[in-house]
Amino acid sequence: MKILQVDLISSTPGTTSLRSSGRSQIVFVGRSNVGKSSLINALIRRKLARTSRSPGKTDLVNIYRVRLAVTANQVDTIDFVDLPGYGYARGGPRRAESFAKITENYFRALSEPPRAAGSVPSVLHLVDSRHSDLKSDRDAHAWLENQGLTTITVGTKADSLPRAEQKRVAQVLGSRTGGRVLLVSAKSGNGLQDLWKMILQVSDRR
């Protein structure tokens, strides 16, 4: 697989322009400072998504269009959607609530008619491997599940943990979510190839 081109095509607090994209969408959801932008940059092999050490900085829906050669004869286009992080936000509880509302409105806008073919996204729910059992993450997973969304749980910052602990965290997340779990590191690159395989698998089902 070779990444041919990546562009930031939209950066907006609104959702009306997203309802009819008609493309495969992979949505990155997670707590503030979980590493969504860093993971996107690692996957696309470019420093395009803005990162910050301060949680709650991103308050826009950022969409990156990724054009890639899956094989010598197959070129695909996938939209990566980076949503604002839930949980802590600069500006206090009201600001955090507004971030959560952006995420909720995004998914609801995509589910309302007129609905474009392929408009229902798959979700990468990012969880910090070092803090893998937070209530906010459990609540977010339950909400995503209730929306009927295809969700893959991704444990970020796995390079911070010993191998034995990584295995334990993966088991905990797997038992809690009942779905697919993958631990990755944007820093070391571990797990990124397997994550790309999962992304292409769920994109092919559209």
N, C-alpha and C. Protein backbone atom coordinates (compact mmCIF):
# COMPACT_ATOMS: atom_id res chain seq x y z
N MET A 1 0.83 -1.19 0.00
CA MET A 1 0.00 0.00 0.00
C MET A 1 0.87 1.25 0.00
N LYS A 2 0.48 2.24 -0.82
CA LYS A 2 1.24 3.48 -0.92
C LYS A 2 0.28 4.66 -0.84
N ILE A 3 0.59 5.61 0.04
CA ILE A 3 -0.23 6.81 0.15
C ILE A 3 0.18 7.79 -0.93
N LEU A 4 -0.77 8.16 -1.79
CA LEU A 4 -0.47 9.01 -2.94
C LEU A 4 -0.64 10.49 -2.62
N GLN A 5 -1.68 10.82 -1.87
CA GLN A 5 -1.97 12.22 -1.61
C GLN A 5 -2.87 12.34 -0.40
N VAL A 6 -2.64 13.38 0.41
CA VAL A 6 -3.50 13.67 1.55
C VAL A 6 -3.77 15.17 1.57
N ASP A 7 -5.04 15.55 1.71
CA ASP A 7 -5.41 16.96 1.77
C ASP A 7 -6.39 17.20 2.91
N LEU A 8 -6.24 18.33 3.58
CA LEU A 8 -7.24 18.80 4.53
C LEU A 8 -8.34 19.46 3.71
N ILE A 9 -9.52 18.83 3.65
CA ILE A 9 -10.57 19.34 2.76
C ILE A 9 -11.64 20.13 3.50
N SER A 10 -11.68 20.00 4.84
CA SER A 10 -12.69 20.72 5.59
C SER A 10 -12.23 20.89 7.03
N SER A 11 -12.51 22.06 7.59
CA SER A 11 -12.23 22.32 8.99
C SER A 11 -13.31 23.26 9.49
N THR A 12 -14.33 22.68 10.13
CA THR A 12 -15.52 23.45 10.44
C THR A 12 -16.19 22.95 11.71
N PRO A 13 -16.87 23.83 12.46
CA PRO A 13 -17.65 23.39 13.61
C PRO A 13 -19.01 22.85 13.20
N GLY A 14 -19.40 23.05 11.94
CA GLY A 14 -20.71 22.61 11.47
C GLY A 14 -20.65 21.24 10.85
N THR A 15 -21.82 20.69 10.49
CA THR A 15 -21.89 19.36 9.90
C THR A 15 -22.66 19.34 8.59
N THR A 16 -23.28 20.43 8.18
CA THR A 16 -24.15 20.38 7.00
C THR A 16 -23.39 20.01 5.74
N SER A 17 -22.09 20.40 5.67
CA SER A 17 -21.33 20.10 4.46
C SER A 17 -20.86 18.66 4.40
N LEU A 18 -21.09 17.90 5.47
CA LEU A 18 -20.57 16.54 5.52
C LEU A 18 -21.62 15.50 5.17
N ARG A 19 -22.85 15.90 5.05
CA ARG A 19 -23.91 14.92 4.99
C ARG A 19 -23.96 14.15 3.68
N SER A 20 -23.37 14.66 2.62
CA SER A 20 -23.50 13.99 1.32
C SER A 20 -22.14 13.69 0.69
N SER A 21 -21.15 13.37 1.49
CA SER A 21 -19.82 13.13 0.92
C SER A 21 -19.79 11.89 0.04
N GLY A 22 -20.56 10.85 0.43
CA GLY A 22 -20.63 9.65 -0.38
C GLY A 22 -19.34 8.85 -0.42
N ARG A 23 -18.39 9.14 0.45
CA ARG A 23 -17.12 8.44 0.48
C ARG A 23 -17.00 7.63 1.77
N SER A 24 -16.09 6.64 1.75
CA SER A 24 -15.79 5.91 2.97
C SER A 24 -15.21 6.87 3.98
N GLN A 25 -15.73 6.83 5.19
CA GLN A 25 -15.25 7.71 6.25
C GLN A 25 -14.80 6.89 7.46
N ILE A 26 -13.63 7.23 7.96
CA ILE A 26 -13.12 6.66 9.20
C ILE A 26 -13.06 7.80 10.20
N VAL A 27 -13.85 7.69 11.27
CA VAL A 27 -13.97 8.77 12.24
C VAL A 27 -13.15 8.45 13.48
N PHE A 28 -12.32 9.41 13.88
CA PHE A 28 -11.47 9.26 15.05
C PHE A 28 -12.16 9.94 16.24
N VAL A 29 -12.51 9.13 17.23
CA VAL A 29 -13.21 9.60 18.42
C VAL A 29 -12.38 9.25 19.65
N GLY A 30 -12.32 10.16 20.62
CA GLY A 30 -11.58 9.85 21.84
C GLY A 30 -11.52 11.03 22.78
N ARG A 31 -11.03 10.78 23.98
CA ARG A 31 -10.88 11.84 24.96
C ARG A 31 -9.88 12.88 24.48
N SER A 32 -9.98 14.07 25.05
CA SER A 32 -9.00 15.11 24.76
C SER A 32 -7.61 14.62 25.13
N ASN A 33 -6.66 14.86 24.25
CA ASN A 33 -5.25 14.50 24.46
C ASN A 33 -4.98 13.00 24.40
N VAL A 34 -5.88 12.24 23.78
CA VAL A 34 -5.66 10.80 23.65
C VAL A 34 -4.68 10.49 22.53
N GLY A 35 -4.47 11.46 21.62
CA GLY A 35 -3.53 11.26 20.53
C GLY A 35 -4.15 11.04 19.17
N LYS A 36 -5.36 11.61 18.94
CA LYS A 36 -6.02 11.43 17.64
C LYS A 36 -5.20 12.01 16.50
N SER A 37 -4.80 13.28 16.67
CA SER A 37 -4.05 13.94 15.59
C SER A 37 -2.70 13.28 15.35
N SER A 38 -2.04 12.87 16.43
CA SER A 38 -0.74 12.19 16.28
C SER A 38 -0.90 10.88 15.54
N LEU A 39 -1.98 10.15 15.83
CA LEU A 39 -2.21 8.88 15.14
C LEU A 39 -2.52 9.11 13.67
N ILE A 40 -3.32 10.12 13.36
CA ILE A 40 -3.61 10.43 11.96
C ILE A 40 -2.31 10.74 11.22
N ASN A 41 -1.46 11.57 11.80
CA ASN A 41 -0.18 11.92 11.17
C ASN A 41 0.68 10.68 10.94
N ALA A 42 0.67 9.77 11.91
CA ALA A 42 1.47 8.55 11.78
C ALA A 42 0.92 7.66 10.66
N LEU A 43 -0.40 7.60 10.54
CA LEU A 43 -1.02 6.76 9.51
C LEU A 43 -0.78 7.32 8.11
N ILE A 44 -0.87 8.64 7.96
CA ILE A 44 -0.72 9.23 6.63
C ILE A 44 0.74 9.58 6.31
N ARG A 45 1.61 9.39 7.33
CA ARG A 45 3.05 9.63 7.17
C ARG A 45 3.35 11.07 6.76
N ARG A 46 2.60 11.98 7.33
CA ARG A 46 2.77 13.41 7.11
C ARG A 46 2.36 14.15 8.38
N LYS A 47 2.95 15.29 8.63
CA LYS A 47 2.55 16.11 9.77
C LYS A 47 1.53 17.14 9.30
N LEU A 48 0.32 16.65 9.05
CA LEU A 48 -0.74 17.51 8.53
C LEU A 48 -1.74 17.89 9.62
N ALA A 49 -2.08 16.91 10.48
CA ALA A 49 -3.01 17.19 11.57
C ALA A 49 -2.28 17.93 12.69
N ARG A 50 -2.90 18.98 13.20
CA ARG A 50 -2.28 19.78 14.25
C ARG A 50 -2.34 19.06 15.58
N THR A 51 -1.21 18.99 16.25
CA THR A 51 -1.13 18.35 17.56
C THR A 51 -0.82 19.41 18.61
N SER A 52 -1.16 19.10 19.87
CA SER A 52 -0.88 20.01 20.97
C SER A 52 -0.74 19.22 22.26
N ARG A 53 0.12 19.69 23.14
CA ARG A 53 0.25 19.07 24.47
C ARG A 53 -0.89 19.49 25.39
N SER A 54 -1.60 20.55 25.02
CA SER A 54 -2.70 21.05 25.84
C SER A 54 -3.99 20.37 25.43
N PRO A 55 -4.66 19.64 26.34
CA PRO A 55 -5.92 18.97 25.98
C PRO A 55 -7.02 19.98 25.70
N GLY A 56 -7.95 19.56 24.84
CA GLY A 56 -9.11 20.40 24.56
C GLY A 56 -8.83 21.55 23.62
N LYS A 57 -7.79 21.47 22.81
CA LYS A 57 -7.45 22.56 21.89
C LYS A 57 -8.28 22.49 20.60
N THR A 58 -8.51 21.27 20.10
CA THR A 58 -9.22 21.12 18.83
C THR A 58 -10.72 21.23 19.05
N ASP A 59 -11.35 22.22 18.40
CA ASP A 59 -12.80 22.36 18.55
C ASP A 59 -13.50 22.37 17.20
N LEU A 60 -12.84 21.80 16.19
CA LEU A 60 -13.41 21.74 14.85
C LEU A 60 -13.48 20.29 14.38
N VAL A 61 -14.34 20.06 13.39
CA VAL A 61 -14.35 18.78 12.69
C VAL A 61 -13.39 18.92 11.51
N ASN A 62 -12.27 18.21 11.57
CA ASN A 62 -11.26 18.27 10.51
C ASN A 62 -11.34 17.01 9.66
N ILE A 63 -11.42 17.18 8.35
CA ILE A 63 -11.53 16.05 7.44
C ILE A 63 -10.33 16.02 6.50
N TYR A 64 -9.66 14.88 6.47
CA TYR A 64 -8.48 14.68 5.63
C TYR A 64 -8.83 13.65 4.57
N ARG A 65 -8.67 14.00 3.31
CA ARG A 65 -8.95 13.06 2.22
C ARG A 65 -7.67 12.34 1.85
N VAL A 66 -7.69 11.02 1.99
CA VAL A 66 -6.51 10.19 1.78
C VAL A 66 -6.69 9.37 0.50
N ARG A 67 -5.81 9.58 -0.44
CA ARG A 67 -5.84 8.82 -1.70
C ARG A 67 -4.67 7.84 -1.66
N LEU A 68 -4.96 6.56 -1.82
CA LEU A 68 -3.91 5.56 -1.68
C LEU A 68 -4.03 4.46 -2.70
N ALA A 69 -2.88 3.93 -3.07
CA ALA A 69 -2.82 2.78 -3.97
C ALA A 69 -2.78 1.53 -3.11
N VAL A 70 -3.90 0.82 -3.08
CA VAL A 70 -3.98 -0.40 -2.27
C VAL A 70 -3.17 -1.51 -2.92
N THR A 71 -3.29 -1.62 -4.24
CA THR A 71 -2.48 -2.54 -5.04
C THR A 71 -2.03 -1.78 -6.28
N ALA A 72 -1.30 -2.45 -7.15
CA ALA A 72 -0.83 -1.80 -8.39
C ALA A 72 -2.00 -1.36 -9.26
N ASN A 73 -3.15 -2.04 -9.12
CA ASN A 73 -4.29 -1.74 -9.99
C ASN A 73 -5.49 -1.16 -9.25
N GLN A 74 -5.35 -0.86 -7.98
CA GLN A 74 -6.49 -0.38 -7.19
C GLN A 74 -6.11 0.88 -6.42
N VAL A 75 -6.82 1.97 -6.70
CA VAL A 75 -6.64 3.23 -5.99
C VAL A 75 -7.93 3.56 -5.25
N ASP A 76 -7.84 3.80 -3.95
CA ASP A 76 -9.00 4.11 -3.13
C ASP A 76 -8.85 5.50 -2.51
N THR A 77 -9.99 6.06 -2.14
CA THR A 77 -10.01 7.34 -1.42
C THR A 77 -10.83 7.18 -0.14
N ILE A 78 -10.25 7.55 0.98
CA ILE A 78 -10.90 7.44 2.28
C ILE A 78 -10.79 8.79 2.98
N ASP A 79 -11.88 9.20 3.63
CA ASP A 79 -11.86 10.42 4.43
C ASP A 79 -11.60 10.07 5.89
N PHE A 80 -10.58 10.67 6.47
CA PHE A 80 -10.31 10.57 7.90
C PHE A 80 -10.96 11.78 8.57
N VAL A 81 -11.83 11.54 9.54
CA VAL A 81 -12.54 12.62 10.22
C VAL A 81 -12.06 12.70 11.67
N ASP A 82 -11.48 13.83 12.02
CA ASP A 82 -10.93 14.05 13.36
C ASP A 82 -11.91 14.92 14.14
N LEU A 83 -12.62 14.30 15.11
CA LEU A 83 -13.61 15.03 15.89
C LEU A 83 -12.98 15.60 17.16
N PRO A 84 -13.57 16.68 17.70
CA PRO A 84 -13.06 17.23 18.96
C PRO A 84 -13.10 16.18 20.07
N GLY A 85 -12.11 16.22 20.96
CA GLY A 85 -12.06 15.25 22.05
C GLY A 85 -13.10 15.53 23.11
N TYR A 86 -13.62 14.47 23.70
CA TYR A 86 -14.56 14.63 24.81
C TYR A 86 -13.79 14.62 26.12
N GLY A 87 -14.50 14.93 27.20
CA GLY A 87 -13.83 14.97 28.51
C GLY A 87 -13.36 16.38 28.80
N TYR A 88 -12.08 16.51 29.18
CA TYR A 88 -11.54 17.82 29.56
C TYR A 88 -11.48 18.75 28.35
N ALA A 89 -11.77 20.02 28.58
CA ALA A 89 -11.60 21.03 27.54
C ALA A 89 -11.19 22.34 28.17
N ARG A 90 -10.33 23.08 27.50
CA ARG A 90 -9.97 24.41 27.98
C ARG A 90 -11.21 25.28 27.92
N GLY A 91 -11.57 25.88 29.03
CA GLY A 91 -12.78 26.68 29.08
C GLY A 91 -13.80 26.08 30.02
N GLY A 92 -13.50 24.90 30.60
CA GLY A 92 -14.37 24.35 31.62
C GLY A 92 -15.49 23.47 31.08
N PRO A 93 -16.43 23.10 31.98
CA PRO A 93 -17.50 22.15 31.64
C PRO A 93 -18.36 22.56 30.45
N ARG A 94 -18.66 23.86 30.34
CA ARG A 94 -19.50 24.29 29.22
C ARG A 94 -18.81 24.05 27.88
N ARG A 95 -17.51 24.31 27.86
CA ARG A 95 -16.73 24.09 26.64
C ARG A 95 -16.68 22.61 26.31
N ALA A 96 -16.47 21.77 27.34
CA ALA A 96 -16.44 20.32 27.13
C ALA A 96 -17.79 19.83 26.60
N GLU A 97 -18.86 20.39 27.12
CA GLU A 97 -20.20 19.99 26.67
C GLU A 97 -20.41 20.37 25.20
N SER A 98 -19.88 21.53 24.80
CA SER A 98 -20.04 21.95 23.40
C SER A 98 -19.27 21.02 22.47
N PHE A 99 -18.10 20.53 22.90
CA PHE A 99 -17.34 19.58 22.10
C PHE A 99 -18.13 18.30 21.90
N ALA A 100 -18.71 17.80 22.98
CA ALA A 100 -19.50 16.57 22.91
C ALA A 100 -20.69 16.75 21.97
N LYS A 101 -21.26 17.95 21.97
CA LYS A 101 -22.42 18.22 21.11
C LYS A 101 -22.02 18.18 19.65
N ILE A 102 -20.82 18.69 19.33
CA ILE A 102 -20.33 18.65 17.94
C ILE A 102 -20.27 17.20 17.46
N THR A 103 -19.71 16.32 18.30
CA THR A 103 -19.60 14.91 17.95
C THR A 103 -20.97 14.28 17.74
N GLU A 104 -21.88 14.54 18.68
CA GLU A 104 -23.23 13.97 18.57
C GLU A 104 -23.93 14.47 17.32
N ASN A 105 -23.83 15.76 17.05
CA ASN A 105 -24.48 16.33 15.86
C ASN A 105 -23.89 15.78 14.57
N TYR A 106 -22.59 15.50 14.58
CA TYR A 106 -21.94 14.95 13.38
C TYR A 106 -22.59 13.62 12.98
N PHE A 107 -22.71 12.70 13.94
CA PHE A 107 -23.27 11.39 13.63
C PHE A 107 -24.76 11.49 13.31
N ARG A 108 -25.47 12.36 13.99
CA ARG A 108 -26.90 12.49 13.72
C ARG A 108 -27.16 13.08 12.34
N ALA A 109 -26.32 14.03 11.93
CA ALA A 109 -26.47 14.62 10.59
C ALA A 109 -26.28 13.57 9.51
N LEU A 110 -25.33 12.64 9.72
CA LEU A 110 -25.08 11.61 8.72
C LEU A 110 -26.20 10.58 8.66
N SER A 111 -26.95 10.43 9.75
CA SER A 111 -28.00 9.41 9.77
C SER A 111 -29.34 9.94 9.27
N GLU A 112 -29.44 11.25 9.09
CA GLU A 112 -30.71 11.83 8.66
C GLU A 112 -30.83 11.83 7.13
N PRO A 113 -32.04 11.71 6.60
CA PRO A 113 -32.22 11.80 5.16
C PRO A 113 -32.04 13.24 4.68
N PRO A 114 -31.62 13.46 3.41
CA PRO A 114 -31.23 12.41 2.46
C PRO A 114 -29.88 11.83 2.79
N ARG A 115 -29.78 10.51 2.77
CA ARG A 115 -28.56 9.84 3.18
C ARG A 115 -27.81 9.36 1.96
N ALA A 116 -26.56 9.79 1.82
CA ALA A 116 -25.75 9.38 0.67
C ALA A 116 -25.24 7.97 0.85
N ALA A 117 -25.07 7.25 -0.27
CA ALA A 117 -24.51 5.91 -0.21
C ALA A 117 -23.11 5.98 0.39
N GLY A 118 -22.83 5.07 1.33
CA GLY A 118 -21.52 5.03 1.96
C GLY A 118 -21.31 6.10 3.01
N SER A 119 -22.40 6.78 3.42
CA SER A 119 -22.24 7.91 4.33
C SER A 119 -22.12 7.49 5.79
N VAL A 120 -22.48 6.25 6.13
CA VAL A 120 -22.37 5.81 7.51
C VAL A 120 -20.91 5.44 7.77
N PRO A 121 -20.26 6.14 8.69
CA PRO A 121 -18.82 5.93 8.88
C PRO A 121 -18.51 4.76 9.78
N SER A 122 -17.27 4.32 9.72
CA SER A 122 -16.73 3.41 10.73
C SER A 122 -15.94 4.26 11.72
N VAL A 123 -15.87 3.80 12.96
CA VAL A 123 -15.30 4.60 14.03
C VAL A 123 -14.08 3.92 14.62
N LEU A 124 -13.00 4.70 14.78
CA LEU A 124 -11.88 4.28 15.60
C LEU A 124 -12.04 4.99 16.93
N HIS A 125 -12.38 4.22 17.96
CA HIS A 125 -12.54 4.81 19.29
C HIS A 125 -11.21 4.70 20.02
N LEU A 126 -10.53 5.83 20.16
CA LEU A 126 -9.20 5.84 20.75
C LEU A 126 -9.27 5.94 22.27
N VAL A 127 -8.51 5.05 22.91
CA VAL A 127 -8.44 4.99 24.37
C VAL A 127 -6.97 5.02 24.77
N ASP A 128 -6.61 5.81 25.75
CA ASP A 128 -5.24 5.86 26.23
C ASP A 128 -4.90 4.54 26.93
N SER A 129 -3.93 3.81 26.40
CA SER A 129 -3.58 2.50 26.95
C SER A 129 -3.16 2.58 28.42
N ARG A 130 -2.66 3.73 28.83
CA ARG A 130 -2.20 3.89 30.21
C ARG A 130 -3.35 4.09 31.19
N HIS A 131 -4.52 4.46 30.65
CA HIS A 131 -5.71 4.71 31.47
C HIS A 131 -6.91 4.10 30.73
N SER A 132 -6.95 2.79 30.72
CA SER A 132 -7.84 2.09 29.80
C SER A 132 -9.24 1.81 30.34
N ASP A 133 -9.53 2.24 31.57
CA ASP A 133 -10.84 1.90 32.14
C ASP A 133 -11.54 3.13 32.72
N LEU A 134 -11.48 4.24 31.99
CA LEU A 134 -12.13 5.46 32.45
C LEU A 134 -13.61 5.44 32.12
N LYS A 135 -14.40 6.01 33.01
CA LYS A 135 -15.85 6.04 32.81
C LYS A 135 -16.23 6.78 31.53
N SER A 136 -15.53 7.86 31.24
CA SER A 136 -15.87 8.62 30.03
C SER A 136 -15.70 7.78 28.77
N ASP A 137 -14.68 6.90 28.77
CA ASP A 137 -14.48 6.01 27.62
C ASP A 137 -15.55 4.94 27.57
N ARG A 138 -15.92 4.41 28.72
CA ARG A 138 -16.98 3.40 28.75
C ARG A 138 -18.30 3.99 28.26
N ASP A 139 -18.59 5.20 28.71
CA ASP A 139 -19.84 5.86 28.27
C ASP A 139 -19.81 6.14 26.77
N ALA A 140 -18.66 6.58 26.27
CA ALA A 140 -18.55 6.88 24.83
C ALA A 140 -18.75 5.61 24.00
N HIS A 141 -18.15 4.50 24.44
CA HIS A 141 -18.30 3.25 23.70
C HIS A 141 -19.76 2.82 23.68
N ALA A 142 -20.44 2.94 24.82
CA ALA A 142 -21.85 2.56 24.89
C ALA A 142 -22.69 3.42 23.95
N TRP A 143 -22.38 4.72 23.89
CA TRP A 143 -23.12 5.63 23.01
C TRP A 143 -22.91 5.25 21.55
N LEU A 144 -21.65 4.99 21.16
CA LEU A 144 -21.35 4.61 19.78
C LEU A 144 -22.05 3.31 19.41
N GLU A 145 -22.04 2.37 20.35
CA GLU A 145 -22.69 1.08 20.11
C GLU A 145 -24.19 1.25 19.91
N ASN A 146 -24.78 2.14 20.68
CA ASN A 146 -26.23 2.39 20.56
C ASN A 146 -26.59 3.03 19.23
N GLN A 147 -25.63 3.68 18.58
CA GLN A 147 -25.88 4.27 17.27
C GLN A 147 -25.75 3.24 16.15
N GLY A 148 -25.35 2.02 16.50
CA GLY A 148 -25.20 0.98 15.48
C GLY A 148 -23.98 1.16 14.60
N LEU A 149 -22.95 1.85 15.10
CA LEU A 149 -21.76 2.14 14.30
C LEU A 149 -20.72 1.02 14.42
N THR A 150 -20.06 0.73 13.30
CA THR A 150 -18.94 -0.20 13.31
C THR A 150 -17.78 0.46 14.04
N THR A 151 -17.37 -0.10 15.18
CA THR A 151 -16.38 0.56 16.03
C THR A 151 -15.21 -0.37 16.32
N ILE A 152 -14.01 0.16 16.14
CA ILE A 152 -12.78 -0.54 16.50
C ILE A 152 -12.14 0.24 17.65
N THR A 153 -11.83 -0.44 18.74
CA THR A 153 -11.19 0.20 19.87
C THR A 153 -9.68 0.19 19.67
N VAL A 154 -9.07 1.37 19.73
CA VAL A 154 -7.63 1.51 19.49
C VAL A 154 -6.97 2.07 20.75
N GLY A 155 -6.09 1.28 21.35
CA GLY A 155 -5.33 1.74 22.51
C GLY A 155 -4.11 2.51 22.06
N THR A 156 -4.04 3.80 22.36
CA THR A 156 -2.92 4.64 21.93
C THR A 156 -1.80 4.64 22.97
N LYS A 157 -0.65 5.15 22.56
CA LYS A 157 0.51 5.33 23.45
C LYS A 157 0.96 4.02 24.09
N ALA A 158 0.81 2.93 23.33
CA ALA A 158 1.13 1.60 23.85
C ALA A 158 2.62 1.44 24.13
N ASP A 159 3.45 2.27 23.50
CA ASP A 159 4.90 2.16 23.73
C ASP A 159 5.28 2.51 25.16
N SER A 160 4.35 3.14 25.90
CA SER A 160 4.61 3.51 27.30
C SER A 160 4.48 2.32 28.25
N LEU A 161 3.97 1.20 27.75
CA LEU A 161 3.70 0.06 28.62
C LEU A 161 4.60 -1.12 28.28
N PRO A 162 5.00 -1.91 29.30
CA PRO A 162 5.71 -3.17 29.04
C PRO A 162 4.81 -4.12 28.27
N ARG A 163 5.44 -5.09 27.60
CA ARG A 163 4.64 -6.01 26.77
C ARG A 163 3.58 -6.76 27.54
N ALA A 164 3.91 -7.21 28.73
CA ALA A 164 2.93 -7.96 29.53
C ALA A 164 1.73 -7.08 29.86
N GLU A 165 1.99 -5.82 30.15
CA GLU A 165 0.90 -4.89 30.47
C GLU A 165 0.07 -4.58 29.22
N GLN A 166 0.71 -4.50 28.06
CA GLN A 166 -0.03 -4.29 26.82
C GLN A 166 -1.02 -5.42 26.58
N LYS A 167 -0.57 -6.63 26.82
CA LYS A 167 -1.44 -7.79 26.64
C LYS A 167 -2.63 -7.74 27.60
N ARG A 168 -2.37 -7.35 28.85
CA ARG A 168 -3.45 -7.26 29.84
C ARG A 168 -4.46 -6.18 29.44
N VAL A 169 -3.96 -5.03 29.00
CA VAL A 169 -4.84 -3.93 28.61
C VAL A 169 -5.70 -4.35 27.42
N ALA A 170 -5.11 -5.03 26.44
CA ALA A 170 -5.87 -5.49 25.27
C ALA A 170 -6.98 -6.45 25.69
N GLN A 171 -6.69 -7.31 26.66
CA GLN A 171 -7.70 -8.25 27.14
C GLN A 171 -8.83 -7.53 27.87
N VAL A 172 -8.47 -6.53 28.68
CA VAL A 172 -9.47 -5.76 29.41
C VAL A 172 -10.39 -5.02 28.44
N LEU A 173 -9.79 -4.36 27.47
CA LEU A 173 -10.59 -3.63 26.49
C LEU A 173 -11.46 -4.56 25.66
N GLY A 174 -10.90 -5.72 25.29
CA GLY A 174 -11.66 -6.67 24.50
C GLY A 174 -12.86 -7.22 25.25
N SER A 175 -12.67 -7.53 26.52
CA SER A 175 -13.77 -8.08 27.31
C SER A 175 -14.85 -7.02 27.57
N ARG A 176 -14.42 -5.76 27.66
CA ARG A 176 -15.37 -4.69 27.94
C ARG A 176 -16.18 -4.31 26.72
N THR A 177 -15.54 -4.29 25.55
CA THR A 177 -16.21 -3.83 24.33
C THR A 177 -16.84 -4.96 23.53
N GLY A 178 -16.29 -6.17 23.68
CA GLY A 178 -16.81 -7.30 22.92
C GLY A 178 -16.51 -7.21 21.45
N GLY A 179 -15.57 -6.35 21.07
CA GLY A 179 -15.26 -6.16 19.66
C GLY A 179 -13.78 -6.21 19.40
N ARG A 180 -13.39 -5.65 18.27
CA ARG A 180 -11.98 -5.66 17.88
C ARG A 180 -11.19 -4.61 18.65
N VAL A 181 -10.01 -5.00 19.09
CA VAL A 181 -9.14 -4.11 19.85
C VAL A 181 -7.73 -4.21 19.27
N LEU A 182 -7.09 -3.06 19.13
CA LEU A 182 -5.72 -3.03 18.66
C LEU A 182 -4.96 -1.96 19.42
N LEU A 183 -3.78 -2.32 19.94
CA LEU A 183 -2.92 -1.35 20.61
C LEU A 183 -1.87 -0.86 19.63
N VAL A 184 -1.66 0.48 19.61
CA VAL A 184 -0.74 1.07 18.65
C VAL A 184 0.12 2.13 19.33
N SER A 185 1.16 2.54 18.62
CA SER A 185 1.99 3.65 19.06
C SER A 185 2.30 4.54 17.86
N ALA A 186 1.84 5.79 17.91
CA ALA A 186 2.18 6.73 16.84
C ALA A 186 3.67 7.05 16.88
N LYS A 187 4.28 6.93 18.05
CA LYS A 187 5.69 7.28 18.23
C LYS A 187 6.61 6.22 17.62
N SER A 188 6.36 4.95 17.95
CA SER A 188 7.23 3.87 17.47
C SER A 188 6.75 3.25 16.16
N GLY A 189 5.47 3.44 15.84
CA GLY A 189 4.90 2.83 14.64
C GLY A 189 4.33 1.44 14.86
N ASN A 190 4.46 0.91 16.06
CA ASN A 190 3.93 -0.42 16.34
C ASN A 190 2.42 -0.45 16.17
N GLY A 191 1.94 -1.45 15.46
CA GLY A 191 0.50 -1.64 15.27
C GLY A 191 -0.11 -0.87 14.13
N LEU A 192 0.63 0.05 13.51
CA LEU A 192 0.04 0.88 12.46
C LEU A 192 -0.30 0.08 11.20
N GLN A 193 0.54 -0.87 10.86
CA GLN A 193 0.26 -1.69 9.67
C GLN A 193 -1.01 -2.51 9.88
N ASP A 194 -1.17 -3.08 11.07
CA ASP A 194 -2.39 -3.84 11.36
C ASP A 194 -3.62 -2.93 11.38
N LEU A 195 -3.44 -1.71 11.88
CA LEU A 195 -4.57 -0.77 11.89
C LEU A 195 -4.98 -0.41 10.47
N TRP A 196 -4.01 -0.20 9.57
CA TRP A 196 -4.34 0.08 8.18
C TRP A 196 -5.14 -1.08 7.56
N LYS A 197 -4.75 -2.31 7.90
CA LYS A 197 -5.48 -3.48 7.38
C LYS A 197 -6.94 -3.44 7.83
N MET A 198 -7.16 -3.09 9.11
CA MET A 198 -8.52 -3.00 9.62
C MET A 198 -9.30 -1.89 8.92
N ILE A 199 -8.64 -0.75 8.72
CA ILE A 199 -9.30 0.38 8.05
C ILE A 199 -9.73 -0.01 6.64
N LEU A 200 -8.86 -0.69 5.91
CA LEU A 200 -9.21 -1.10 4.54
C LEU A 200 -10.31 -2.15 4.54
N GLN A 201 -10.31 -3.02 5.54
CA GLN A 201 -11.36 -4.03 5.63
C GLN A 201 -12.74 -3.41 5.81
N VAL A 202 -12.86 -2.48 6.76
CA VAL A 202 -14.17 -1.88 7.00
C VAL A 202 -14.57 -0.95 5.85
N SER A 203 -13.60 -0.35 5.17
CA SER A 203 -13.92 0.51 4.02
C SER A 203 -14.43 -0.31 2.85
N ASP A 204 -13.91 -1.53 2.68
CA ASP A 204 -14.33 -2.38 1.57
C ASP A 204 -15.77 -2.86 1.71
N ARG A 205 -16.33 -2.78 2.92
CA ARG A 205 -17.70 -3.28 3.15
C ARG A 205 -18.77 -2.30 2.70
N ARG A 206 -18.39 -1.11 2.24
CA ARG A 206 -19.38 -0.11 1.88
C ARG A 206 -19.93 -0.37 0.49
